[in-house]
């Protein structure tokens, strides 16, 4: 990790390459935020689907119990 930091600092000292590295770091950070947002949306959709499935099975189970009670 120390070598990466020193490499970046040495590159930043050179004006022409410093801007490229700064822009690259900004782009990488932006991409990580975009990926985090996509993962959060996918996770929310998955949780919603699981909740709906659980509610459906609970409803079916309740209806089955009610039907069995009315038959007897």
PDB file of N, CA and C in Angstrom:
ATOM      1  N   UNK A   1       0.838  -1.193   0.000  1.00  0.00           N
ATOM      2  CA  UNK A   1       0.000   0.000   0.000  1.00  0.00           C
ATOM      3  C   UNK A   1       0.878   1.250   0.000  1.00  0.00           C
ATOM      4  N   UNK A   2       2.012   1.175   0.723  1.00  0.00           N
ATOM      5  CA  UNK A   2       2.899   2.323   0.784  1.00  0.00           C
ATOM      6  C   UNK A   2       3.494   2.620  -0.592  1.00  0.00           C
ATOM      7  N   UNK A   3       3.805   1.581  -1.344  1.00  0.00           N
ATOM      8  CA  UNK A   3       4.379   1.809  -2.671  1.00  0.00           C
ATOM      9  C   UNK A   3       3.358   2.441  -3.613  1.00  0.00           C
ATOM     10  N   UNK A   4       2.096   2.052  -3.477  1.00  0.00           N
ATOM     11  CA  UNK A   4       1.053   2.658  -4.306  1.00  0.00           C
ATOM     12  C   UNK A   4       0.903   4.138  -3.978  1.00  0.00           C
ATOM     13  N   UNK A   5       0.925   4.457  -2.685  1.00  0.00           N
ATOM     14  CA  UNK A   5       0.806   5.859  -2.267  1.00  0.00           C
ATOM     15  C   UNK A   5       1.984   6.675  -2.776  1.00  0.00           C
ATOM     16  N   UNK A   6       3.188   6.149  -2.622  1.00  0.00           N
ATOM     17  CA  UNK A   6       4.362   6.890  -3.095  1.00  0.00           C
ATOM     18  C   UNK A   6       4.346   7.025  -4.616  1.00  0.00           C
ATOM     19  N   UNK A   7       3.876   5.992  -5.300  1.00  0.00           N
ATOM     20  CA  UNK A   7       3.764   6.064  -6.755  1.00  0.00           C
ATOM     21  C   UNK A   7       2.812   7.184  -7.165  1.00  0.00           C
ATOM     22  N   UNK A   8       1.655   7.255  -6.499  1.00  0.00           N
ATOM     23  CA  UNK A   8       0.684   8.300  -6.836  1.00  0.00           C
ATOM     24  C   UNK A   8       1.223   9.685  -6.514  1.00  0.00           C
ATOM     25  N   UNK A   9       1.930   9.813  -5.394  1.00  0.00           N
ATOM     26  CA  UNK A   9       2.490  11.121  -5.028  1.00  0.00           C
ATOM     27  C   UNK A   9       3.536  11.546  -6.050  1.00  0.00           C
ATOM     28  N   UNK A  10       4.387  10.612  -6.464  1.00  0.00           N
ATOM     29  CA  UNK A  10       5.398  10.943  -7.477  1.00  0.00           C
ATOM     30  C   UNK A  10       4.744  11.341  -8.791  1.00  0.00           C
ATOM     31  N   UNK A  11       3.667  10.687  -9.161  1.00  0.00           N
ATOM     32  CA  UNK A  11       2.967  11.032 -10.393  1.00  0.00           C
ATOM     33  C   UNK A  11       2.290  12.396 -10.273  1.00  0.00           C
ATOM     34  N   UNK A  12       1.773  12.705  -9.081  1.00  0.00           N
ATOM     35  CA  UNK A  12       1.103  13.995  -8.903  1.00  0.00           C
ATOM     36  C   UNK A  12       2.088  15.156  -8.971  1.00  0.00           C
ATOM     37  N   UNK A  13       3.356  14.883  -8.675  1.00  0.00           N
ATOM     38  CA  UNK A  13       4.361  15.944  -8.730  1.00  0.00           C
ATOM     39  C   UNK A  13       4.591  16.408 -10.160  1.00  0.00           C
ATOM     40  N   UNK A  14       4.392  15.512 -11.095  1.00  0.00           N
ATOM     41  CA  UNK A  14       4.509  15.895 -12.502  1.00  0.00           C
ATOM     42  C   UNK A  14       3.171  16.473 -12.942  1.00  0.00           C
ATOM     43  N   UNK A  15       3.180  17.700 -13.367  1.00  0.00           N
ATOM     44  CA  UNK A  15       1.936  18.417 -13.674  1.00  0.00           C
ATOM     45  C   UNK A  15       1.129  17.738 -14.780  1.00  0.00           C
ATOM     46  N   UNK A  16       1.779  17.302 -15.835  1.00  0.00           N
ATOM     47  CA  UNK A  16       1.031  16.764 -16.974  1.00  0.00           C
ATOM     48  C   UNK A  16       0.326  15.463 -16.621  1.00  0.00           C
ATOM     49  N   UNK A  17       0.961  14.616 -15.815  1.00  0.00           N
ATOM     50  CA  UNK A  17       0.350  13.343 -15.463  1.00  0.00           C
ATOM     51  C   UNK A  17      -0.519  13.451 -14.218  1.00  0.00           C
ATOM     52  N   UNK A  18      -0.326  14.487 -13.435  1.00  0.00           N
ATOM     53  CA  UNK A  18      -1.100  14.645 -12.205  1.00  0.00           C
ATOM     54  C   UNK A  18      -2.582  14.797 -12.464  1.00  0.00           C
ATOM     55  N   UNK A  19      -2.913  15.568 -13.484  1.00  0.00           N
ATOM     56  CA  UNK A  19      -4.326  15.784 -13.801  1.00  0.00           C
ATOM     57  C   UNK A  19      -4.989  14.488 -14.257  1.00  0.00           C
ATOM     58  N   UNK A  20      -4.253  13.689 -15.003  1.00  0.00           N
ATOM     59  CA  UNK A  20      -4.815  12.421 -15.484  1.00  0.00           C
ATOM     60  C   UNK A  20      -5.098  11.491 -14.314  1.00  0.00           C
ATOM     61  N   UNK A  21      -4.173  11.437 -13.361  1.00  0.00           N
ATOM     62  CA  UNK A  21      -4.369  10.551 -12.207  1.00  0.00           C
ATOM     63  C   UNK A  21      -5.518  11.048 -11.340  1.00  0.00           C
ATOM     64  N   UNK A  22      -5.608  12.349 -11.141  1.00  0.00           N
ATOM     65  CA  UNK A  22      -6.714  12.894 -10.341  1.00  0.00           C
ATOM     66  C   UNK A  22      -8.049  12.588 -11.021  1.00  0.00           C
ATOM     67  N   UNK A  23      -8.118  12.789 -12.326  1.00  0.00           N
ATOM     68  CA  UNK A  23      -9.353  12.477 -13.052  1.00  0.00           C
ATOM     69  C   UNK A  23      -9.677  10.990 -12.984  1.00  0.00           C
ATOM     70  N   UNK A  24      -8.659  10.152 -13.071  1.00  0.00           N
ATOM     71  CA  UNK A  24      -8.877   8.708 -12.969  1.00  0.00           C
ATOM     72  C   UNK A  24      -9.430   8.343 -11.602  1.00  0.00           C
ATOM     73  N   UNK A  25      -8.872   8.923 -10.548  1.00  0.00           N
ATOM     74  CA  UNK A  25      -9.366   8.646  -9.196  1.00  0.00           C
ATOM     75  C   UNK A  25     -10.800   9.127  -9.021  1.00  0.00           C
ATOM     76  N   UNK A  26     -11.118  10.288  -9.573  1.00  0.00           N
ATOM     77  CA  UNK A  26     -12.490  10.807  -9.483  1.00  0.00           C
ATOM     78  C   UNK A  26     -13.454   9.882 -10.222  1.00  0.00           C
ATOM     79  N   UNK A  27     -13.050   9.416 -11.396  1.00  0.00           N
ATOM     80  CA  UNK A  27     -13.910   8.508 -12.166  1.00  0.00           C
ATOM     81  C   UNK A  27     -14.112   7.198 -11.420  1.00  0.00           C
ATOM     82  N   UNK A  28     -13.047   6.660 -10.829  1.00  0.00           N
ATOM     83  CA  UNK A  28     -13.174   5.406 -10.081  1.00  0.00           C
ATOM     84  C   UNK A  28     -14.087   5.568  -8.871  1.00  0.00           C
ATOM     85  N   UNK A  29     -13.965   6.689  -8.170  1.00  0.00           N
ATOM     86  CA  UNK A  29     -14.853   6.940  -7.026  1.00  0.00           C
ATOM     87  C   UNK A  29     -16.301   7.071  -7.484  1.00  0.00           C
ATOM     88  N   UNK A  30     -16.512   7.759  -8.589  1.00  0.00           N
ATOM     89  CA  UNK A  30     -17.871   7.909  -9.113  1.00  0.00           C
ATOM     90  C   UNK A  30     -18.458   6.558  -9.501  1.00  0.00           C
ATOM     91  N   UNK A  31     -17.659   5.720 -10.126  1.00  0.00           N
ATOM     92  CA  UNK A  31     -18.137   4.389 -10.505  1.00  0.00           C
ATOM     93  C   UNK A  31     -18.474   3.546  -9.286  1.00  0.00           C
ATOM     94  N   UNK A  32     -17.687   3.699  -8.226  1.00  0.00           N
ATOM     95  CA  UNK A  32     -17.987   2.919  -7.019  1.00  0.00           C
ATOM     96  C   UNK A  32     -19.311   3.365  -6.411  1.00  0.00           C
ATOM     97  N   UNK A  33     -19.604   4.670  -6.450  1.00  0.00           N
ATOM     98  CA  UNK A  33     -20.891   5.146  -5.934  1.00  0.00           C
ATOM     99  C   UNK A  33     -22.044   4.657  -6.809  1.00  0.00           C
ATOM    100  N   UNK A  34     -21.845   4.636  -8.110  1.00  0.00           N
ATOM    101  CA  UNK A  34     -22.881   4.132  -9.015  1.00  0.00           C
ATOM    102  C   UNK A  34     -23.140   2.652  -8.744  1.00  0.00           C
ATOM    103  N   UNK A  35     -22.070   1.890  -8.585  1.00  0.00           N
ATOM    104  CA  UNK A  35     -22.226   0.453  -8.296  1.00  0.00           C
ATOM    105  C   UNK A  35     -22.928   0.242  -6.959  1.00  0.00           C
ATOM    106  N   UNK A  36     -22.595   1.053  -5.964  1.00  0.00           N
ATOM    107  CA  UNK A  36     -23.259   0.930  -4.664  1.00  0.00           C
ATOM    108  C   UNK A  36     -24.747   1.238  -4.788  1.00  0.00           C
ATOM    109  N   UNK A  37     -25.091   2.236  -5.585  1.00  0.00           N
ATOM    110  CA  UNK A  37     -26.498   2.567  -5.800  1.00  0.00           C
ATOM    111  C   UNK A  37     -27.248   1.453  -6.507  1.00  0.00           C
ATOM    112  N   UNK A  38     -26.617   0.860  -7.508  1.00  0.00           N
ATOM    113  CA  UNK A  38     -27.256  -0.252  -8.222  1.00  0.00           C
ATOM    114  C   UNK A  38     -27.465  -1.430  -7.282  1.00  0.00           C
ATOM    115  N   UNK A  39     -26.453  -1.736  -6.471  1.00  0.00           N
ATOM    116  CA  UNK A  39     -26.581  -2.852  -5.520  1.00  0.00           C
ATOM    117  C   UNK A  39     -27.699  -2.582  -4.518  1.00  0.00           C
ATOM    118  N   UNK A  40     -27.828  -1.339  -4.063  1.00  0.00           N
ATOM    119  CA  UNK A  40     -28.891  -1.004  -3.111  1.00  0.00           C
ATOM    120  C   UNK A  40     -30.267  -1.190  -3.750  1.00  0.00           C
ATOM    121  N   UNK A  41     -30.408  -0.781  -5.004  1.00  0.00           N
ATOM    122  CA  UNK A  41     -31.697  -0.950  -5.695  1.00  0.00           C
ATOM    123  C   UNK A  41     -32.034  -2.423  -5.896  1.00  0.00           C
ATOM    124  N   UNK A  42     -31.047  -3.207  -6.306  1.00  0.00           N
ATOM    125  CA  UNK A  42     -31.282  -4.642  -6.510  1.00  0.00           C
ATOM    126  C   UNK A  42     -31.646  -5.301  -5.188  1.00  0.00           C
ATOM    127  N   UNK A  43     -30.961  -4.926  -4.116  1.00  0.00           N
ATOM    128  CA  UNK A  43     -31.248  -5.493  -2.801  1.00  0.00           C
ATOM    129  C   UNK A  43     -32.658  -5.132  -2.346  1.00  0.00           C
ATOM    130  N   UNK A  44     -33.077  -3.899  -2.586  1.00  0.00           N
ATOM    131  CA  UNK A  44     -34.429  -3.483  -2.200  1.00  0.00           C
ATOM    132  C   UNK A  44     -35.477  -4.267  -2.987  1.00  0.00           C
ATOM    133  N   UNK A  45     -35.242  -4.469  -4.277  1.00  0.00           N
ATOM    134  CA  UNK A  45     -36.182  -5.248  -5.089  1.00  0.00           C
ATOM    135  C   UNK A  45     -36.251  -6.695  -4.613  1.00  0.00           C
ATOM    136  N   UNK A  46     -35.109  -7.267  -4.275  1.00  0.00           N
ATOM    137  CA  UNK A  46     -35.074  -8.652  -3.784  1.00  0.00           C
ATOM    138  C   UNK A  46     -35.834  -8.769  -2.464  1.00  0.00           C
ATOM    139  N   UNK A  47     -35.592  -7.826  -1.552  1.00  0.00           N
ATOM    140  CA  UNK A  47     -36.284  -7.863  -0.260  1.00  0.00           C
ATOM    141  C   UNK A  47     -37.789  -7.721  -0.437  1.00  0.00           C
ATOM    142  N   UNK A  48     -38.207  -6.880  -1.378  1.00  0.00           N
ATOM    143  CA  UNK A  48     -39.630  -6.707  -1.649  1.00  0.00           C
ATOM    144  C   UNK A  48     -40.237  -7.998  -2.192  1.00  0.00           C
ATOM    145  N   UNK A  49     -39.523  -8.661  -3.088  1.00  0.00           N
ATOM    146  CA  UNK A  49     -40.028  -9.921  -3.654  1.00  0.00           C
ATOM    147  C   UNK A  49     -40.133 -10.998  -2.583  1.00  0.00           C
ATOM    148  N   UNK A  50     -39.144 -11.063  -1.701  1.00  0.00           N
ATOM    149  CA  UNK A  50     -39.178 -12.062  -0.626  1.00  0.00           C
ATOM    150  C   UNK A  50     -40.343 -11.780   0.316  1.00  0.00           C
ATOM    151  N   UNK A  51     -40.557 -10.506   0.624  1.00  0.00           N
ATOM    152  CA  UNK A  51     -41.663 -10.143   1.512  1.00  0.00           C
ATOM    153  C   UNK A  51     -43.005 -10.501   0.877  1.00  0.00           C
ATOM    154  N   UNK A  52     -43.179 -10.220  -0.409  1.00  0.00           N
ATOM    155  CA  UNK A  52     -44.430 -10.557  -1.094  1.00  0.00           C
ATOM    156  C   UNK A  52     -44.650 -12.065  -1.133  1.00  0.00           C
ATOM    157  N   UNK A  53     -43.582 -12.814  -1.349  1.00  0.00           N
ATOM    158  CA  UNK A  53     -43.697 -14.272  -1.370  1.00  0.00           C
ATOM    159  C   UNK A  53     -44.105 -14.783   0.008  1.00  0.00           C
ATOM    160  N   UNK A  54     -43.502 -14.235   1.061  1.00  0.00           N
ATOM    161  CA  UNK A  54     -43.840 -14.645   2.424  1.00  0.00           C
ATOM    162  C   UNK A  54     -45.299 -14.310   2.742  1.00  0.00           C
ATOM    163  N   UNK A  55     -45.743 -13.104   2.343  1.00  0.00           N
ATOM    164  CA  UNK A  55     -47.131 -12.711   2.590  1.00  0.00           C
ATOM    165  C   UNK A  55     -48.097 -13.622   1.827  1.00  0.00           C
ATOM    166  N   UNK A  56     -47.747 -13.989   0.606  1.00  0.00           N
ATOM    167  CA  UNK A  56     -48.601 -14.878  -0.187  1.00  0.00           C
ATOM    168  C   UNK A  56     -48.716 -16.247   0.476  1.00  0.00           C
ATOM    169  N   UNK A  57     -47.581 -16.814   0.887  1.00  0.00           N
ATOM    170  CA  UNK A  57     -47.620 -18.132   1.525  1.00  0.00           C
ATOM    171  C   UNK A  57     -48.363 -18.082   2.855  1.00  0.00           C
ATOM    172  N   UNK A  58     -48.225 -16.993   3.597  1.00  0.00           N
ATOM    173  CA  UNK A  58     -48.965 -16.846   4.851  1.00  0.00           C
ATOM    174  C   UNK A  58     -50.464 -16.793   4.577  1.00  0.00           C
ATOM    175  N   UNK A  59     -50.842 -16.064   3.531  1.00  0.00           N
ATOM    176  CA  UNK A  59     -52.254 -15.961   3.164  1.00  0.00           C
ATOM    177  C   UNK A  59     -52.807 -17.327   2.750  1.00  0.00           C
ATOM    178  N   UNK A  60     -52.055 -18.051   1.920  1.00  0.00           N
ATOM    179  CA  UNK A  60     -52.504 -19.374   1.465  1.00  0.00           C
ATOM    180  C   UNK A  60     -52.628 -20.324   2.648  1.00  0.00           C
ATOM    181  N   UNK A  61     -51.671 -20.282   3.554  1.00  0.00           N
ATOM    182  CA  UNK A  61     -51.727 -21.159   4.727  1.00  0.00           C
ATOM    183  C   UNK A  61     -52.938 -20.829   5.597  1.00  0.00           C
ATOM    184  N   UNK A  62     -53.210 -19.553   5.765  1.00  0.00           N
ATOM    185  CA  UNK A  62     -54.368 -19.135   6.560  1.00  0.00           C
ATOM    186  C   UNK A  62     -55.671 -19.580   5.898  1.00  0.00           C
ATOM    187  N   UNK A  63     -55.747 -19.440   4.590  1.00  0.00           N
ATOM    188  CA  UNK A  63     -56.940 -19.878   3.859  1.00  0.00           C
ATOM    189  C   UNK A  63     -57.111 -21.394   3.932  1.00  0.00           C
ATOM    190  N   UNK A  64     -56.024 -22.134   3.857  1.00  0.00           N
ATOM    191  CA  UNK A  64     -56.102 -23.596   3.966  1.00  0.00           C
ATOM    192  C   UNK A  64     -56.604 -24.020   5.340  1.00  0.00           C
ATOM    193  N   UNK A  65     -56.122 -23.352   6.376  1.00  0.00           N
ATOM    194  CA  UNK A  65     -56.584 -23.675   7.731  1.00  0.00           C
ATOM    195  C   UNK A  65     -58.066 -23.353   7.879  1.00  0.00           C
ATOM    196  N   UNK A  66     -58.485 -22.232   7.306  1.00  0.00           N
ATOM    197  CA  UNK A  66     -59.898 -21.854   7.380  1.00  0.00           C
ATOM    198  C   UNK A  66     -60.758 -22.852   6.607  1.00  0.00           C
ATOM    199  N   UNK A  67     -60.277 -23.300   5.460  1.00  0.00           N
ATOM    200  CA  UNK A  67     -61.034 -24.268   4.659  1.00  0.00           C
ATOM    201  C   UNK A  67     -61.128 -25.611   5.375  1.00  0.00           C
ATOM    202  N   UNK A  68     -60.065 -26.039   6.007  1.00  0.00           N
ATOM    203  CA  UNK A  68     -60.094 -27.307   6.740  1.00  0.00           C
ATOM    204  C   UNK A  68     -61.036 -27.220   7.931  1.00  0.00           C
ATOM    205  N   UNK A  69     -61.086 -26.059   8.563  1.00  0.00           N
ATOM    206  CA  UNK A  69     -61.984 -25.868   9.702  1.00  0.00           C
ATOM    207  C   UNK A  69     -63.442 -25.884   9.289  1.00  0.00           C
ATOM    208  N   UNK A  70     -63.753 -25.362   8.104  1.00  0.00           N
ATOM    209  CA  UNK A  70     -65.153 -25.319   7.663  1.00  0.00           C
ATOM    210  C   UNK A  70     -65.626 -26.674   7.141  1.00  0.00           C
ATOM    211  N   UNK A  71     -64.702 -27.517   6.694  1.00  0.00           N
ATOM    212  CA  UNK A  71     -65.085 -28.845   6.194  1.00  0.00           C
ATOM    213  C   UNK A  71     -65.508 -29.744   7.347  1.00  0.00           C
ATOM    214  N   UNK A  72     -64.792 -29.657   8.452  1.00  0.00           N
ATOM    215  CA  UNK A  72     -65.105 -30.523   9.599  1.00  0.00           C
ATOM    216  C   UNK A  72     -66.385 -30.082  10.184  1.00  0.00           C
TER     217      UNK A  72
END
